[in-house]
Amino acid sequence: MKDVKPILYAGNFERSIDAKKRMAVPASWLREKEGEELYVMLHSSKQRVIVMPPETLLSMAEEINSSNRTKRDKREFIRDFYSRAYRVTTDGQGRILLPTEQCEQAGLRTSAMCLGAQDRFEIWNAERFAASTEVREATYQEVADDLGI
């Protein structure tokens, strides 16, 4: 893997998804317009799709390996986790091809909300995202108050 500067995924963007399940990644989130390698996986809640660069995906194995879980749990989690991640690359228009099954489970059809989440970003069905606003806002306010923001 080449030495790359980490990117910070921040902000939120509305995006369309075409009939082939291609979606444009926000330009400010790309290091390279064409050929950027990313990994896509369905969140365990099946409410959204997570997209991350290779270094984030690799750091997750380090995190689970340093946990207090049993060797068997670690081995099984890593096997299942990595088998659910799909490598995608951006095309000349900065689009990625989302796996159809993941789109179906997350309710992604013709439009989506892309949300920055530090070292990864999330793709939400816009209606599901809007419906979760009240719960998320309460948590955000509580943590912001604790941090003095």
C-alpha atoms as a PDB file:
ATOM      1  CA  MET A   1       0.000   0.000   0.000  1.00  0.00           C
ATOM      2  CA  LYS A   2       1.373   3.390  -0.941  1.00  0.00           C
ATOM      3  CA  ASP A   3       2.078   6.030   1.708  1.00  0.00           C
ATOM      4  CA  VAL A   4      -1.004   8.257   1.771  1.00  0.00           C
ATOM      5  CA  LYS A   5      -2.054  11.251   3.795  1.00  0.00           C
ATOM      6  CA  PRO A   6      -5.127  10.446   5.906  1.00  0.00           C
ATOM      7  CA  ILE A   7      -8.280  12.208   4.821  1.00  0.00           C
ATOM      8  CA  LEU A   8     -10.857  13.658   7.169  1.00  0.00           C
ATOM      9  CA  TYR A   9     -14.404  12.968   6.060  1.00  0.00           C
ATOM     10  CA  ALA A  10     -16.552  15.887   7.237  1.00  0.00           C
ATOM     11  CA  GLY A  11     -19.810  17.457   6.124  1.00  0.00           C
ATOM     12  CA  ASN A  12     -22.947  16.052   4.575  1.00  0.00           C
ATOM     13  CA  PHE A  13     -23.992  15.865   0.960  1.00  0.00           C
ATOM     14  CA  GLU A  14     -27.065  14.753  -0.947  1.00  0.00           C
ATOM     15  CA  ARG A  15     -26.242  12.416  -3.803  1.00  0.00           C
ATOM     16  CA  SER A  16     -28.155  10.598  -6.501  1.00  0.00           C
ATOM     17  CA  ILE A  17     -27.725   6.905  -7.196  1.00  0.00           C
ATOM     18  CA  ASP A  18     -28.147   5.819 -10.796  1.00  0.00           C
ATOM     19  CA  ALA A  19     -29.792   2.618 -12.073  1.00  0.00           C
ATOM     20  CA  LYS A  20     -26.424   0.809 -12.012  1.00  0.00           C
ATOM     21  CA  LYS A  21     -25.974   1.764  -8.305  1.00  0.00           C
ATOM     22  CA  ARG A  22     -23.204   4.285  -8.984  1.00  0.00           C
ATOM     23  CA  MET A  23     -22.864   7.283  -6.701  1.00  0.00           C
ATOM     24  CA  ALA A  24     -20.488  10.257  -6.899  1.00  0.00           C
ATOM     25  CA  VAL A  25     -18.250  10.635  -3.875  1.00  0.00           C
ATOM     26  CA  PRO A  26     -18.004  14.264  -2.729  1.00  0.00           C
ATOM     27  CA  ALA A  27     -14.943  15.732  -4.480  1.00  0.00           C
ATOM     28  CA  SER A  28     -13.474  17.072  -1.214  1.00  0.00           C
ATOM     29  CA  TRP A  29     -13.372  13.500   0.091  1.00  0.00           C
ATOM     30  CA  LEU A  30     -11.220  12.148  -2.726  1.00  0.00           C
ATOM     31  CA  ARG A  31      -7.431  12.057  -2.925  1.00  0.00           C
ATOM     32  CA  GLU A  32      -7.608  10.953  -6.558  1.00  0.00           C
ATOM     33  CA  LYS A  33     -10.586  11.481  -8.842  1.00  0.00           C
ATOM     34  CA  GLU A  34     -10.075   8.205 -10.690  1.00  0.00           C
ATOM     35  CA  GLY A  35      -8.843   4.913  -9.288  1.00  0.00           C
ATOM     36  CA  GLU A  36      -9.146   5.747  -5.591  1.00  0.00           C
ATOM     37  CA  GLU A  37      -9.483   2.535  -3.602  1.00  0.00           C
ATOM     38  CA  LEU A  38     -12.236   2.401  -0.988  1.00  0.00           C
ATOM     39  CA  TYR A  39     -14.009  -0.373   0.898  1.00  0.00           C
ATOM     40  CA  VAL A  40     -17.784  -0.551   1.243  1.00  0.00           C
ATOM     41  CA  MET A  41     -19.752  -2.543   3.788  1.00  0.00           C
ATOM     42  CA  LEU A  42     -23.211  -2.618   5.274  1.00  0.00           C
ATOM     43  CA  HIS A  43     -23.319  -1.340   8.863  1.00  0.00           C
ATOM     44  CA  SER A  44     -24.301  -4.046  11.360  1.00  0.00           C
ATOM     45  CA  SER A  45     -27.639  -2.230  11.921  1.00  0.00           C
ATOM     46  CA  LYS A  46     -28.355  -2.526   8.160  1.00  0.00           C
ATOM     47  CA  GLN A  47     -29.463   1.133   8.300  1.00  0.00           C
ATOM     48  CA  ARG A  48     -26.539   2.523   6.312  1.00  0.00           C
ATOM     49  CA  VAL A  49     -23.495   1.684   4.235  1.00  0.00           C
ATOM     50  CA  ILE A  50     -20.013   2.529   5.512  1.00  0.00           C
ATOM     51  CA  VAL A  51     -17.231   3.548   3.108  1.00  0.00           C
ATOM     52  CA  MET A  52     -13.611   3.691   4.196  1.00  0.00           C
ATOM     53  CA  PRO A  53     -10.091   3.864   2.810  1.00  0.00           C
ATOM     54  CA  PRO A  54      -7.862   0.777   3.114  1.00  0.00           C
ATOM     55  CA  GLU A  55      -5.956   2.143   6.112  1.00  0.00           C
ATOM     56  CA  THR A  56      -9.177   2.446   8.135  1.00  0.00           C
ATOM     57  CA  LEU A  57     -10.195  -1.086   7.233  1.00  0.00           C
ATOM     58  CA  LEU A  58      -6.762  -2.373   8.310  1.00  0.00           C
ATOM     59  CA  SER A  59      -6.862  -0.459  11.585  1.00  0.00           C
ATOM     60  CA  MET A  60     -10.050  -2.288  12.526  1.00  0.00           C
ATOM     61  CA  ALA A  61      -8.192  -5.614  12.556  1.00  0.00           C
ATOM     62  CA  GLU A  62      -5.581  -4.089  14.865  1.00  0.00           C
ATOM     63  CA  GLU A  63      -8.348  -2.844  17.143  1.00  0.00           C
ATOM     64  CA  ILE A  64     -10.070  -6.219  17.417  1.00  0.00           C
ATOM     65  CA  ASN A  65      -6.740  -8.036  17.864  1.00  0.00           C
ATOM     66  CA  SER A  66      -5.845  -5.763  20.787  1.00  0.00           C
ATOM     67  CA  SER A  67      -9.232  -6.291  22.459  1.00  0.00           C
ATOM     68  CA  ASN A  68      -9.857  -8.635  25.377  1.00  0.00           C
ATOM     69  CA  ARG A  69     -11.962 -11.002  23.272  1.00  0.00           C
ATOM     70  CA  THR A  70     -11.037 -14.669  22.999  1.00  0.00           C
ATOM     71  CA  LYS A  71      -8.840 -15.800  20.105  1.00  0.00           C
ATOM     72  CA  ARG A  72     -11.817 -17.648  18.648  1.00  0.00           C
ATOM     73  CA  ASP A  73     -14.054 -14.535  18.810  1.00  0.00           C
ATOM     74  CA  LYS A  74     -11.346 -12.423  17.202  1.00  0.00           C
ATOM     75  CA  ARG A  75     -10.755 -14.939  14.412  1.00  0.00           C
ATOM     76  CA  GLU A  76     -14.466 -15.324  13.662  1.00  0.00           C
ATOM     77  CA  PHE A  77     -15.157 -11.597  13.789  1.00  0.00           C
ATOM     78  CA  ILE A  78     -12.250 -10.786  11.476  1.00  0.00           C
ATOM     79  CA  ARG A  79     -13.362 -13.487   9.027  1.00  0.00           C
ATOM     80  CA  ASP A  80     -16.945 -12.198   8.963  1.00  0.00           C
ATOM     81  CA  PHE A  81     -15.960  -8.537   8.987  1.00  0.00           C
ATOM     82  CA  TYR A  82     -13.580  -8.756   6.046  1.00  0.00           C
ATOM     83  CA  SER A  83     -15.882 -11.052   4.059  1.00  0.00           C
ATOM     84  CA  ARG A  84     -18.532  -8.300   4.200  1.00  0.00           C
ATOM     85  CA  ALA A  85     -16.244  -5.561   2.851  1.00  0.00           C
ATOM     86  CA  TYR A  86     -16.106  -4.948  -0.894  1.00  0.00           C
ATOM     87  CA  ARG A  87     -13.313  -3.131  -2.695  1.00  0.00           C
ATOM     88  CA  VAL A  88     -14.473  -0.372  -5.009  1.00  0.00           C
ATOM     89  CA  THR A  89     -12.549   2.190  -7.025  1.00  0.00           C
ATOM     90  CA  THR A  90     -13.652   5.567  -8.282  1.00  0.00           C
ATOM     91  CA  ASP A  91     -14.244   6.000 -11.987  1.00  0.00           C
ATOM     92  CA  GLY A  92     -13.314   9.065 -14.070  1.00  0.00           C
ATOM     93  CA  GLN A  93     -16.291  10.969 -12.655  1.00  0.00           C
ATOM     94  CA  GLY A  94     -15.450  10.198  -9.016  1.00  0.00           C
ATOM     95  CA  ARG A  95     -18.221   7.615  -8.697  1.00  0.00           C
ATOM     96  CA  ILE A  96     -18.197   4.313  -6.863  1.00  0.00           C
ATOM     97  CA  LEU A  97     -20.292   1.263  -7.686  1.00  0.00           C
ATOM     98  CA  LEU A  98     -22.284   0.259  -4.608  1.00  0.00           C
ATOM     99  CA  PRO A  99     -23.042  -3.449  -4.112  1.00  0.00           C
ATOM    100  CA  THR A 100     -26.688  -4.073  -5.039  1.00  0.00           C
ATOM    101  CA  GLU A 101     -27.429  -6.280  -2.011  1.00  0.00           C
ATOM    102  CA  GLN A 102     -26.069  -3.654   0.385  1.00  0.00           C
ATOM    103  CA  CYS A 103     -28.154  -0.953  -1.322  1.00  0.00           C
ATOM    104  CA  GLU A 104     -31.280  -3.066  -0.984  1.00  0.00           C
ATOM    105  CA  GLN A 105     -30.708  -3.779   2.709  1.00  0.00           C
ATOM    106  CA  ALA A 106     -29.924  -0.119   3.502  1.00  0.00           C
ATOM    107  CA  GLY A 107     -32.883   1.139   1.457  1.00  0.00           C
ATOM    108  CA  LEU A 108     -30.689   3.021  -1.024  1.00  0.00           C
ATOM    109  CA  ARG A 109     -32.547   3.505  -4.286  1.00  0.00           C
ATOM    110  CA  THR A 110     -32.222   6.753  -6.242  1.00  0.00           C
ATOM    111  CA  SER A 111     -30.892   9.202  -3.649  1.00  0.00           C
ATOM    112  CA  ALA A 112     -28.760   9.177  -0.536  1.00  0.00           C
ATOM    113  CA  MET A 113     -27.225  11.292   2.183  1.00  0.00           C
ATOM    114  CA  CYS A 114     -23.436  11.063   2.507  1.00  0.00           C
ATOM    115  CA  LEU A 115     -22.216  11.925   5.992  1.00  0.00           C
ATOM    116  CA  GLY A 116     -18.630  12.436   7.056  1.00  0.00           C
ATOM    117  CA  ALA A 117     -17.601  10.351  10.066  1.00  0.00           C
ATOM    118  CA  GLN A 118     -13.908  11.204  10.594  1.00  0.00           C
ATOM    119  CA  ASP A 119     -11.945   8.295   9.040  1.00  0.00           C
ATOM    120  CA  ARG A 120     -14.891   6.922   7.046  1.00  0.00           C
ATOM    121  CA  PHE A 121     -18.167   8.125   5.621  1.00  0.00           C
ATOM    122  CA  GLU A 122     -21.689   6.790   5.713  1.00  0.00           C
ATOM    123  CA  ILE A 123     -24.341   6.530   3.024  1.00  0.00           C
ATOM    124  CA  TRP A 124     -27.897   6.734   4.329  1.00  0.00           C
ATOM    125  CA  ASN A 125     -31.344   6.462   2.821  1.00  0.00           C
ATOM    126  CA  ALA A 126     -32.480  10.106   3.146  1.00  0.00           C
ATOM    127  CA  GLU A 127     -35.786   9.209   4.816  1.00  0.00           C
ATOM    128  CA  ARG A 128     -34.123   6.910   7.369  1.00  0.00           C
ATOM    129  CA  PHE A 129     -31.577   9.608   8.121  1.00  0.00           C
ATOM    130  CA  ALA A 130     -34.288  12.248   8.616  1.00  0.00           C
ATOM    131  CA  ALA A 131     -36.243   9.888  10.892  1.00  0.00           C
ATOM    132  CA  SER A 132     -33.206   9.400  13.134  1.00  0.00           C
ATOM    133  CA  THR A 133     -32.554  13.141  13.537  1.00  0.00           C
ATOM    134  CA  GLU A 134     -34.319  13.540  16.881  1.00  0.00           C
ATOM    135  CA  VAL A 135     -32.395  10.713  18.564  1.00  0.00           C
ATOM    136  CA  ARG A 136     -29.073  11.807  17.068  1.00  0.00           C
ATOM    137  CA  GLU A 137     -29.632  15.450  18.000  1.00  0.00           C
ATOM    138  CA  ALA A 138     -30.234  14.596  21.670  1.00  0.00           C
ATOM    139  CA  THR A 139     -26.999  12.589  21.817  1.00  0.00           C
ATOM    140  CA  TYR A 140     -25.077  15.293  19.958  1.00  0.00           C
ATOM    141  CA  GLN A 141     -26.309  17.988  22.345  1.00  0.00           C
ATOM    142  CA  GLU A 142     -25.383  15.929  25.406  1.00  0.00           C
ATOM    143  CA  VAL A 143     -21.853  15.218  24.185  1.00  0.00           C
ATOM    144  CA  ALA A 144     -21.391  18.803  22.928  1.00  0.00           C
ATOM    145  CA  ASP A 145     -22.355  20.098  26.368  1.00  0.00           C
ATOM    146  CA  ASP A 146     -19.837  17.739  28.007  1.00  0.00           C
ATOM    147  CA  LEU A 147     -17.129  19.011  25.639  1.00  0.00           C
ATOM    148  CA  GLY A 148     -18.100  22.660  26.003  1.00  0.00           C
ATOM    149  CA  ILE A 149     -18.927  23.084  22.304  1.00  0.00           C
END
